[in-house]
N, C-alpha and C. Protein backbone atom coordinates (compact mmCIF):
# COMPACT_ATOMS: atom_id res chain seq x y z
N MET A 1 90.16 86.16 -3.70
CA MET A 1 89.01 86.66 -3.23
C MET A 1 87.72 85.32 -3.76
N ASN A 2 86.89 84.77 -3.28
CA ASN A 2 86.73 84.02 -4.72
C ASN A 2 84.32 85.33 -4.29
N LEU A 3 84.19 84.42 -5.64
CA LEU A 3 83.19 85.57 -5.78
C LEU A 3 82.13 85.51 -5.26
N VAL A 4 81.50 84.62 -4.12
CA VAL A 4 80.93 84.57 -3.50
C VAL A 4 81.28 85.14 -1.91
N THR A 5 83.28 85.63 -2.19
CA THR A 5 83.41 87.00 -1.30
C THR A 5 82.48 88.91 -1.21
N VAL A 6 83.36 88.49 -3.30
CA VAL A 6 83.14 90.19 -3.50
C VAL A 6 81.14 89.77 -3.30
N LEU A 7 81.06 89.06 -4.05
CA LEU A 7 78.88 88.93 -3.27
C LEU A 7 78.87 89.41 -1.76
N GLY A 8 79.41 88.89 -1.37
CA GLY A 8 78.93 89.36 0.04
C GLY A 8 78.94 90.84 0.98
N LEU A 9 80.81 90.90 0.23
CA LEU A 9 81.95 92.41 0.71
C LEU A 9 80.13 93.29 -0.48
N LEU A 10 79.31 93.40 -1.22
CA LEU A 10 78.99 94.05 -2.10
C LEU A 10 77.54 93.81 -1.62
N ALA A 11 77.52 92.67 -1.42
CA ALA A 11 75.99 93.18 -0.44
C ALA A 11 75.80 94.12 0.79
N GLY A 12 76.67 92.84 1.30
CA GLY A 12 76.75 94.84 2.39
C GLY A 12 77.31 95.99 3.09
N THR A 13 78.23 95.88 1.09
CA THR A 13 78.41 97.89 0.99
C THR A 13 77.07 98.44 0.99
N PHE A 14 76.56 97.74 0.34
CA PHE A 14 74.90 98.08 -0.35
C PHE A 14 74.19 98.94 0.88
N THR A 15 73.94 97.79 1.53
CA THR A 15 73.14 98.03 2.36
C THR A 15 73.69 99.01 3.48
N THR A 16 74.44 98.72 3.90
CA THR A 16 75.24 99.53 5.21
C THR A 16 75.50 101.37 4.16
N ILE A 17 75.31 101.79 3.13
CA ILE A 17 75.80 102.63 2.75
C ILE A 17 73.56 103.54 2.73
N SER A 18 72.90 102.34 2.62
CA SER A 18 71.80 102.69 2.53
C SER A 18 71.85 103.93 3.97
N PHE A 19 71.97 103.71 5.06
CA PHE A 19 72.21 105.04 6.51
C PHE A 19 72.51 105.54 6.12
N LEU A 20 73.53 106.40 5.61
CA LEU A 20 74.34 107.72 5.02
C LEU A 20 73.09 108.38 5.31
N PRO A 21 72.03 107.95 4.59
CA PRO A 21 71.47 109.10 4.22
C PRO A 21 71.08 109.51 5.78
N GLN A 22 69.90 108.52 6.88
CA GLN A 22 69.81 108.44 7.51
C GLN A 22 71.04 109.31 8.62
N VAL A 23 71.52 108.97 8.60
CA VAL A 23 72.44 109.17 9.90
C VAL A 23 72.24 110.81 9.32
N ILE A 24 73.31 111.47 8.40
CA ILE A 24 73.20 112.38 8.14
C ILE A 24 72.58 114.08 7.88
N LYS A 25 70.53 113.21 8.03
CA LYS A 25 69.45 113.96 8.07
C LYS A 25 69.26 114.66 9.18
N THR A 26 69.98 112.64 10.41
CA THR A 26 69.30 113.29 11.98
C THR A 26 70.50 114.70 12.21
N TRP A 27 71.88 114.31 11.75
CA TRP A 27 73.16 115.24 12.23
C TRP A 27 72.19 116.41 11.91
N ARG A 28 72.13 116.70 10.97
CA ARG A 28 71.39 117.72 10.34
C ARG A 28 71.05 118.78 10.87
N THR A 29 69.90 117.71 10.82
CA THR A 29 68.30 118.64 12.24
C THR A 29 68.18 118.37 13.64
N ARG A 30 68.96 117.76 13.87
CA ARG A 30 68.75 117.30 16.22
C ARG A 30 67.39 116.76 15.43
N SER A 31 66.57 115.94 14.79
CA SER A 31 65.18 115.37 14.79
C SER A 31 65.24 114.22 14.31
N THR A 32 64.25 113.76 15.50
CA THR A 32 64.56 111.98 15.83
C THR A 32 63.13 111.37 15.82
N LYS A 33 62.19 113.09 16.06
CA LYS A 33 60.49 112.48 16.00
C LYS A 33 60.06 111.16 15.20
N ASP A 34 60.19 110.88 14.21
CA ASP A 34 59.73 109.54 13.82
C ASP A 34 60.54 108.43 13.85
N ILE A 35 61.61 108.51 13.93
CA ILE A 35 62.71 107.19 14.31
C ILE A 35 62.06 105.75 15.44
N SER A 36 62.19 105.16 14.97
CA SER A 36 61.35 104.43 16.18
C SER A 36 62.71 103.42 17.25
N LEU A 37 62.49 104.30 18.39
CA LEU A 37 63.46 103.91 19.37
C LEU A 37 64.15 102.63 19.61
N GLU A 38 62.43 102.33 19.54
CA GLU A 38 63.02 100.24 19.83
C GLU A 38 63.12 99.53 18.17
N MET A 39 63.01 100.09 16.75
CA MET A 39 63.59 99.49 15.90
C MET A 39 65.42 99.66 16.08
N PHE A 40 65.73 101.43 16.27
CA PHE A 40 66.55 100.75 16.58
C PHE A 40 67.88 100.18 17.10
N ALA A 41 67.09 99.85 18.20
CA ALA A 41 67.38 99.72 19.31
C ALA A 41 67.46 98.31 19.19
N ILE A 42 66.69 97.17 18.50
CA ILE A 42 66.93 95.49 18.43
C ILE A 42 67.42 95.73 17.59
N PHE A 43 67.65 96.47 16.27
CA PHE A 43 68.53 96.16 14.68
C PHE A 43 69.87 96.63 15.61
N CYS A 44 70.00 97.22 16.27
CA CYS A 44 71.93 97.18 16.37
C CYS A 44 71.99 95.91 17.19
N SER A 45 70.94 95.55 18.65
CA SER A 45 71.25 94.41 18.66
C SER A 45 71.38 93.31 18.09
N GLY A 46 70.29 93.33 16.79
CA GLY A 46 70.92 92.35 16.15
C GLY A 46 72.22 92.43 15.15
N VAL A 47 72.24 93.44 14.91
CA VAL A 47 73.75 94.49 14.15
C VAL A 47 74.61 92.91 14.80
N LEU A 48 74.72 93.31 16.11
CA LEU A 48 75.85 92.66 17.34
C LEU A 48 76.11 91.36 17.14
N LEU A 49 74.83 91.01 16.52
CA LEU A 49 74.71 89.03 17.32
C LEU A 49 75.27 88.67 15.55
N TRP A 50 74.94 89.77 13.85
CA TRP A 50 75.79 89.12 13.29
C TRP A 50 77.15 89.49 13.12
N ILE A 51 77.78 89.96 13.45
CA ILE A 51 78.69 90.26 13.79
C ILE A 51 79.65 89.04 14.62
N ILE A 52 78.86 89.10 16.52
CA ILE A 52 79.00 87.73 16.60
C ILE A 52 78.98 86.82 16.42
N TYR A 53 78.39 86.31 15.08
CA TYR A 53 78.16 84.32 14.71
C TYR A 53 78.95 84.91 13.62
N GLY A 54 79.64 85.75 13.56
CA GLY A 54 80.63 86.21 11.24
C GLY A 54 82.34 85.84 12.71
N ILE A 55 82.35 86.29 13.26
CA ILE A 55 83.31 85.93 14.26
C ILE A 55 84.02 84.27 14.44
N ILE A 56 82.85 83.55 14.69
CA ILE A 56 82.39 82.55 14.88
C ILE A 56 82.91 81.62 13.78
N ILE A 57 81.70 81.69 12.69
CA ILE A 57 82.57 80.85 11.83
C ILE A 57 83.36 81.46 10.92
N ASN A 58 83.96 82.74 10.86
CA ASN A 58 84.80 83.56 10.25
C ASN A 58 84.69 84.13 9.08
N ASN A 59 83.87 84.23 8.84
CA ASN A 59 83.62 84.19 8.15
C ASN A 59 83.13 86.63 7.88
N LEU A 60 84.34 87.63 6.53
CA LEU A 60 84.76 88.63 6.74
C LEU A 60 83.67 89.61 6.25
N PRO A 61 83.04 88.84 5.24
CA PRO A 61 81.88 89.51 4.53
C PRO A 61 80.53 90.19 5.60
N ILE A 62 80.77 88.90 6.41
CA ILE A 62 79.18 89.23 8.00
C ILE A 62 80.27 90.24 8.14
N ILE A 63 81.21 90.26 9.26
CA ILE A 63 82.54 90.75 9.80
C ILE A 63 82.77 92.10 9.94
N PHE A 64 82.34 92.42 8.58
CA PHE A 64 82.74 94.09 8.48
C PHE A 64 82.25 94.88 7.20
N THR A 65 81.02 93.71 7.12
CA THR A 65 79.85 94.42 6.20
C THR A 65 79.03 94.62 8.05
N ASN A 66 79.33 94.26 9.66
CA ASN A 66 78.28 94.57 9.53
C ASN A 66 78.82 95.84 11.02
N ILE A 67 79.76 95.18 10.87
CA ILE A 67 80.94 96.70 12.07
C ILE A 67 80.04 98.36 10.87
N ALA A 68 80.56 97.62 9.94
CA ALA A 68 80.53 98.91 8.93
C ALA A 68 78.89 99.73 9.59
N THR A 69 77.52 98.67 9.48
CA THR A 69 76.90 99.59 9.36
C THR A 69 76.94 99.51 11.38
N LEU A 70 76.61 99.23 12.28
CA LEU A 70 76.19 99.03 13.16
C LEU A 70 76.86 100.17 13.57
N SER A 71 78.42 100.80 12.71
CA SER A 71 78.93 101.87 13.25
C SER A 71 77.87 103.69 11.71
N LEU A 72 76.97 103.27 11.41
CA LEU A 72 76.09 103.97 10.92
C LEU A 72 74.65 104.21 11.72
N ALA A 73 74.61 102.71 12.01
CA ALA A 73 72.74 102.32 12.68
C ALA A 73 73.55 103.37 14.45
N SER A 74 74.55 103.24 14.74
CA SER A 74 75.29 103.62 16.65
C SER A 74 73.97 104.80 16.38
N PRO A 75 75.15 106.09 15.83
CA PRO A 75 75.14 107.17 15.80
C PRO A 75 73.27 106.89 15.60
N ILE A 76 72.52 106.62 15.12
CA ILE A 76 70.62 107.15 14.53
C ILE A 76 70.71 106.54 16.02
N LEU A 77 70.62 105.57 16.91
CA LEU A 77 70.54 105.37 18.76
C LEU A 77 70.18 106.07 19.09
N PHE A 78 72.08 106.98 19.70
CA PHE A 78 72.36 107.56 20.07
C PHE A 78 71.72 109.78 19.97
N PHE A 79 70.91 109.50 18.16
CA PHE A 79 70.36 111.06 18.23
C PHE A 79 69.81 110.98 19.21
N LYS A 80 68.64 109.22 18.61
CA LYS A 80 66.95 108.95 19.14
C LYS A 80 66.88 109.70 21.00
N LEU A 81 68.01 108.90 21.17
CA LEU A 81 68.15 108.96 23.20
C LEU A 81 68.14 110.08 22.89
N LYS A 82 69.04 110.73 22.58
CA LYS A 82 69.80 112.62 23.23
C LYS A 82 68.61 113.19 22.39
N TYR A 83 68.17 113.07 21.46
CA TYR A 83 67.54 114.46 20.82
C TYR A 83 65.59 113.73 20.82
N LYS A 84 65.54 113.49 21.48
CA LYS A 84 63.77 112.28 22.64
C LYS A 84 62.74 114.12 22.16
């Protein structure tokens, strides 16, 4: 694995982990009143497009980190729709 790939994986890991506190807080409090539905819907759509792009160009850091990000951002979107 080259340095550029390691850098991409590390950057994606940090970006992805940043969603974990929000997922935990939303799950515990069942409150999403301060979260923008539009923002998370657009964000999740963008992340899905990054995954598709990563697959097309065969870039593992883009694919793996965006799958992880979507797996953390999607529950927030789900909770927003469920706990309006």
